[in-house]
Structures are given as C-alpha cells and as structure tokens.
Amino acid sequence: MGESERGEAAPRERISYFCSNGHVTTPSFASEAEIPDYWDCPRCGLPAGRDHEHPPAPPRTEPYKTHLAYVKERRSDTDGAAILEEALGRLRASREL
C-alpha cells in the first residue's frame, strides 16, 4: 500500500539523543506522543539522553560471581571452618559405623 492510499502521516518531530561515547541518534516521534527521557544508542547500545553536555553514564555491570564467592560474602572464614569441621565430623562418624 502506498503513502497516498494510507492517508497522511501524523505530524512528526525529531529529537536528538546523546550517549557518553559521543554518538548522536535522532529518532522521530509523533507530535502528540510522550517523548522519552532516554533512548538506547543504536551504535553502541549505551543509554542516550537529551542533554548534549551531560549524557547518561554507562550502566555499571557486576562481574559474574561463582557460588563460592556468594558464600564467602555471607560467611566469615571462621564460620566456614566451623561448618567444614562439623561436616567432616559427621562424615567420619558415618564411616565408623
């Protein structure tokens, strides 16, 4: 279907967004649409804002943690040694049976 068959397009406005890598993207929105504060940069994927002087900071991503790393966050070395000794005691007791 061609443009003439669908009727007139809604009035549009182009809004510029700036990411912290210096990329500029300018999507167009319908004039009556709510304009978002942030837009994902299509070049690098970082968030882009409407303020050229102060673009949004890149999101902070936490590195992958192992199960052991999470356990060490919850337990001290002393707690871990006590739990290990308790488990070894039960294991040794079961071998004596």
N, C-alpha and C. Protein backbone atom coordinates (compact mmCIF):
# COMPACT_ATOMS: atom_id res chain seq x y z
N MET A 1 0.83 -1.16 0.00
CA MET A 1 0.00 0.00 0.00
C MET A 1 0.89 1.24 0.00
N GLY A 2 0.64 2.14 -0.88
CA GLY A 2 1.45 3.34 -0.98
C GLY A 2 1.03 4.40 0.03
N GLU A 3 1.86 5.42 0.16
CA GLU A 3 1.59 6.52 1.11
C GLU A 3 0.26 7.19 0.80
N SER A 4 -0.01 7.39 -0.48
CA SER A 4 -1.25 8.10 -0.86
C SER A 4 -2.48 7.27 -0.52
N GLU A 5 -2.37 5.97 -0.52
CA GLU A 5 -3.51 5.10 -0.22
C GLU A 5 -3.79 5.02 1.28
N ARG A 6 -2.80 5.26 2.12
CA ARG A 6 -2.98 5.17 3.57
C ARG A 6 -3.43 6.48 4.17
N GLY A 7 -3.29 7.54 3.49
CA GLY A 7 -3.64 8.85 4.04
C GLY A 7 -2.38 9.56 4.50
N GLU A 8 -2.56 10.70 5.14
CA GLU A 8 -1.43 11.49 5.57
C GLU A 8 -0.80 10.92 6.83
N ALA A 9 0.51 11.05 6.93
CA ALA A 9 1.23 10.60 8.13
C ALA A 9 0.99 11.62 9.24
N ALA A 10 1.04 11.14 10.47
CA ALA A 10 0.89 12.03 11.63
C ALA A 10 2.04 13.02 11.66
N PRO A 11 1.79 14.22 12.15
CA PRO A 11 2.90 15.19 12.28
C PRO A 11 3.99 14.62 13.18
N ARG A 12 5.23 14.82 12.78
CA ARG A 12 6.36 14.23 13.50
C ARG A 12 7.31 15.32 13.97
N GLU A 13 8.09 14.97 15.00
CA GLU A 13 9.20 15.83 15.42
C GLU A 13 10.40 14.94 15.70
N ARG A 14 11.57 15.45 15.35
CA ARG A 14 12.81 14.70 15.54
C ARG A 14 13.48 15.20 16.82
N ILE A 15 13.89 14.25 17.67
CA ILE A 15 14.51 14.56 18.94
C ILE A 15 15.91 13.94 18.94
N SER A 16 16.92 14.72 19.32
CA SER A 16 18.30 14.22 19.37
C SER A 16 18.63 13.67 20.74
N TYR A 17 19.31 12.54 20.74
CA TYR A 17 19.78 11.88 21.97
C TYR A 17 21.28 11.70 21.86
N PHE A 18 21.99 11.86 22.98
CA PHE A 18 23.46 11.80 23.00
C PHE A 18 23.91 10.77 24.03
N CYS A 19 24.81 9.85 23.62
CA CYS A 19 25.36 8.86 24.54
C CYS A 19 26.74 9.31 25.02
N SER A 20 27.28 8.63 26.00
CA SER A 20 28.58 9.02 26.57
C SER A 20 29.74 8.74 25.62
N ASN A 21 29.53 7.98 24.56
CA ASN A 21 30.58 7.75 23.55
C ASN A 21 30.59 8.82 22.47
N GLY A 22 29.71 9.82 22.59
CA GLY A 22 29.67 10.91 21.62
C GLY A 22 28.79 10.65 20.41
N HIS A 23 28.05 9.55 20.41
CA HIS A 23 27.16 9.26 19.29
C HIS A 23 25.87 10.08 19.44
N VAL A 24 25.31 10.45 18.32
CA VAL A 24 24.04 11.18 18.30
C VAL A 24 23.05 10.36 17.49
N THR A 25 21.86 10.16 18.04
CA THR A 25 20.79 9.50 17.30
C THR A 25 19.58 10.41 17.34
N THR A 26 18.84 10.46 16.24
CA THR A 26 17.72 11.38 16.14
C THR A 26 16.48 10.65 15.64
N PRO A 27 15.80 9.92 16.54
CA PRO A 27 14.55 9.26 16.11
C PRO A 27 13.43 10.29 15.96
N SER A 28 12.42 9.93 15.21
CA SER A 28 11.28 10.84 15.07
C SER A 28 10.10 10.25 15.83
N PHE A 29 9.32 11.14 16.42
CA PHE A 29 8.15 10.77 17.22
C PHE A 29 6.94 11.53 16.71
N ALA A 30 5.77 10.94 16.88
CA ALA A 30 4.55 11.66 16.56
C ALA A 30 4.47 12.88 17.48
N SER A 31 4.00 13.98 16.97
CA SER A 31 3.98 15.24 17.74
C SER A 31 3.22 15.10 19.05
N GLU A 32 2.17 14.30 19.07
CA GLU A 32 1.38 14.17 20.30
C GLU A 32 1.89 13.05 21.22
N ALA A 33 2.95 12.35 20.81
CA ALA A 33 3.50 11.25 21.63
C ALA A 33 4.30 11.80 22.80
N GLU A 34 4.34 11.01 23.87
CA GLU A 34 5.18 11.36 25.01
C GLU A 34 6.64 11.05 24.65
N ILE A 35 7.51 12.02 24.78
CA ILE A 35 8.91 11.87 24.39
C ILE A 35 9.68 11.26 25.56
N PRO A 36 10.36 10.11 25.36
CA PRO A 36 11.11 9.51 26.46
C PRO A 36 12.36 10.31 26.81
N ASP A 37 12.76 10.26 28.08
CA ASP A 37 13.97 10.95 28.53
C ASP A 37 15.23 10.28 28.02
N TYR A 38 15.17 8.96 27.85
CA TYR A 38 16.36 8.19 27.44
C TYR A 38 16.01 7.33 26.23
N TRP A 39 17.06 7.04 25.44
CA TRP A 39 16.91 6.22 24.24
C TRP A 39 18.18 5.39 24.13
N ASP A 40 18.09 4.14 23.73
CA ASP A 40 19.28 3.31 23.56
C ASP A 40 20.01 3.72 22.28
N CYS A 41 21.31 3.95 22.42
CA CYS A 41 22.11 4.32 21.25
C CYS A 41 22.18 3.13 20.30
N PRO A 42 21.80 3.29 19.03
CA PRO A 42 21.84 2.16 18.10
C PRO A 42 23.26 1.76 17.70
N ARG A 43 24.25 2.62 17.94
CA ARG A 43 25.63 2.30 17.55
C ARG A 43 26.36 1.50 18.62
N CYS A 44 26.19 1.88 19.90
CA CYS A 44 26.95 1.19 20.96
C CYS A 44 26.06 0.55 22.03
N GLY A 45 24.77 0.84 22.03
CA GLY A 45 23.86 0.23 22.99
C GLY A 45 23.78 0.92 24.33
N LEU A 46 24.59 1.95 24.57
CA LEU A 46 24.54 2.66 25.84
C LEU A 46 23.31 3.55 25.90
N PRO A 47 22.87 3.91 27.11
CA PRO A 47 21.74 4.83 27.20
C PRO A 47 22.14 6.22 26.68
N ALA A 48 21.22 6.87 26.02
CA ALA A 48 21.46 8.21 25.49
C ALA A 48 20.40 9.14 26.06
N GLY A 49 20.81 10.36 26.38
CA GLY A 49 19.89 11.35 26.93
C GLY A 49 19.78 12.55 26.02
N ARG A 50 18.90 13.47 26.39
CA ARG A 50 18.65 14.64 25.54
C ARG A 50 19.60 15.80 25.83
N ASP A 51 20.37 15.73 26.92
CA ASP A 51 21.31 16.80 27.28
C ASP A 51 22.68 16.50 26.67
N HIS A 52 23.08 17.28 25.68
CA HIS A 52 24.35 17.06 24.98
C HIS A 52 25.55 17.20 25.92
N GLU A 53 25.48 18.13 26.85
CA GLU A 53 26.59 18.39 27.77
C GLU A 53 26.74 17.31 28.85
N HIS A 54 25.66 16.66 29.22
CA HIS A 54 25.68 15.67 30.30
C HIS A 54 24.94 14.39 29.89
N PRO A 55 25.53 13.59 29.02
CA PRO A 55 24.86 12.33 28.64
C PRO A 55 24.84 11.36 29.82
N PRO A 56 23.91 10.41 29.84
CA PRO A 56 23.85 9.46 30.95
C PRO A 56 25.12 8.61 31.03
N ALA A 57 25.48 8.26 32.25
CA ALA A 57 26.65 7.41 32.46
C ALA A 57 26.34 5.98 32.02
N PRO A 58 27.36 5.26 31.55
CA PRO A 58 27.13 3.86 31.18
C PRO A 58 26.69 3.07 32.41
N PRO A 59 25.81 2.08 32.22
CA PRO A 59 25.38 1.29 33.37
C PRO A 59 26.53 0.47 33.94
N ARG A 60 26.53 0.34 35.24
CA ARG A 60 27.59 -0.44 35.89
C ARG A 60 27.15 -1.90 35.93
N THR A 61 27.96 -2.76 35.37
CA THR A 61 27.64 -4.18 35.36
C THR A 61 28.57 -4.90 36.33
N GLU A 62 27.98 -5.74 37.12
CA GLU A 62 28.75 -6.53 38.07
C GLU A 62 29.31 -7.76 37.36
N PRO A 63 30.56 -8.13 37.65
CA PRO A 63 31.12 -9.34 37.03
C PRO A 63 30.42 -10.58 37.57
N TYR A 64 30.51 -11.65 36.81
CA TYR A 64 29.91 -12.92 37.21
C TYR A 64 30.57 -13.41 38.49
N LYS A 65 29.76 -13.85 39.44
CA LYS A 65 30.30 -14.40 40.68
C LYS A 65 30.00 -15.89 40.74
N THR A 66 30.94 -16.63 41.27
CA THR A 66 30.74 -18.06 41.45
C THR A 66 29.91 -18.29 42.71
N HIS A 67 29.45 -19.51 42.87
CA HIS A 67 28.71 -19.87 44.08
C HIS A 67 29.58 -19.65 45.31
N LEU A 68 30.85 -19.99 45.21
CA LEU A 68 31.77 -19.82 46.33
C LEU A 68 31.92 -18.34 46.71
N ALA A 69 31.93 -17.46 45.74
CA ALA A 69 32.04 -16.03 46.02
C ALA A 69 30.83 -15.53 46.80
N TYR A 70 29.64 -16.01 46.44
CA TYR A 70 28.43 -15.62 47.18
C TYR A 70 28.47 -16.18 48.61
N VAL A 71 28.93 -17.40 48.77
CA VAL A 71 29.03 -18.00 50.11
C VAL A 71 30.01 -17.20 50.96
N LYS A 72 31.13 -16.81 50.38
CA LYS A 72 32.13 -16.05 51.14
C LYS A 72 31.62 -14.67 51.55
N GLU A 73 30.65 -14.13 50.79
CA GLU A 73 30.05 -12.85 51.18
C GLU A 73 29.18 -13.02 52.43
N ARG A 74 28.56 -14.20 52.58
CA ARG A 74 27.65 -14.42 53.69
C ARG A 74 28.33 -14.98 54.93
N ARG A 75 29.45 -15.66 54.77
CA ARG A 75 30.09 -16.34 55.90
C ARG A 75 31.53 -15.86 56.05
N SER A 76 31.98 -15.79 57.31
CA SER A 76 33.38 -15.44 57.57
C SER A 76 34.22 -16.71 57.45
N ASP A 77 35.53 -16.56 57.42
CA ASP A 77 36.42 -17.73 57.35
C ASP A 77 36.24 -18.60 58.59
N THR A 78 36.00 -17.99 59.74
CA THR A 78 35.80 -18.75 60.98
C THR A 78 34.53 -19.59 60.89
N ASP A 79 33.43 -18.98 60.37
CA ASP A 79 32.18 -19.72 60.20
C ASP A 79 32.38 -20.88 59.22
N GLY A 80 33.10 -20.62 58.14
CA GLY A 80 33.35 -21.66 57.15
C GLY A 80 34.14 -22.82 57.73
N ALA A 81 35.16 -22.51 58.53
CA ALA A 81 35.96 -23.57 59.15
C ALA A 81 35.11 -24.39 60.11
N ALA A 82 34.22 -23.74 60.87
CA ALA A 82 33.35 -24.46 61.81
C ALA A 82 32.38 -25.38 61.07
N ILE A 83 31.79 -24.89 59.97
CA ILE A 83 30.87 -25.72 59.19
C ILE A 83 31.61 -26.90 58.56
N LEU A 84 32.83 -26.65 58.06
CA LEU A 84 33.62 -27.73 57.47
C LEU A 84 33.95 -28.79 58.51
N GLU A 85 34.36 -28.35 59.70
CA GLU A 85 34.71 -29.30 60.75
C GLU A 85 33.50 -30.12 61.17
N GLU A 86 32.34 -29.48 61.24
CA GLU A 86 31.10 -30.21 61.58
C GLU A 86 30.77 -31.26 60.53
N ALA A 87 30.90 -30.88 59.24
CA ALA A 87 30.60 -31.82 58.16
C ALA A 87 31.60 -32.98 58.15
N LEU A 88 32.89 -32.67 58.38
CA LEU A 88 33.89 -33.73 58.42
C LEU A 88 33.65 -34.66 59.60
N GLY A 89 33.22 -34.11 60.73
CA GLY A 89 32.90 -34.93 61.90
C GLY A 89 31.77 -35.90 61.60
N ARG A 90 30.73 -35.42 60.93
CA ARG A 90 29.61 -36.32 60.56
C ARG A 90 30.07 -37.38 59.56
N LEU A 91 30.93 -36.99 58.61
CA LEU A 91 31.43 -37.95 57.63
C LEU A 91 32.28 -39.03 58.32
N ARG A 92 33.14 -38.62 59.23
CA ARG A 92 33.99 -39.60 59.93
C ARG A 92 33.14 -40.51 60.81
N ALA A 93 32.11 -39.98 61.43
CA ALA A 93 31.24 -40.79 62.29
C ALA A 93 30.48 -41.83 61.46
N SER A 94 30.08 -41.46 60.25
CA SER A 94 29.34 -42.42 59.41
C SER A 94 30.25 -43.52 58.89
N ARG A 95 31.54 -43.25 58.74
CA ARG A 95 32.49 -44.28 58.28
C ARG A 95 32.78 -45.29 59.38
N GLU A 96 32.66 -44.86 60.63
CA GLU A 96 32.94 -45.76 61.75
C GLU A 96 31.84 -46.79 61.94
N LEU A 97 30.67 -46.55 61.40
CA LEU A 97 29.55 -47.48 61.56
C LEU A 97 29.76 -48.69 60.76
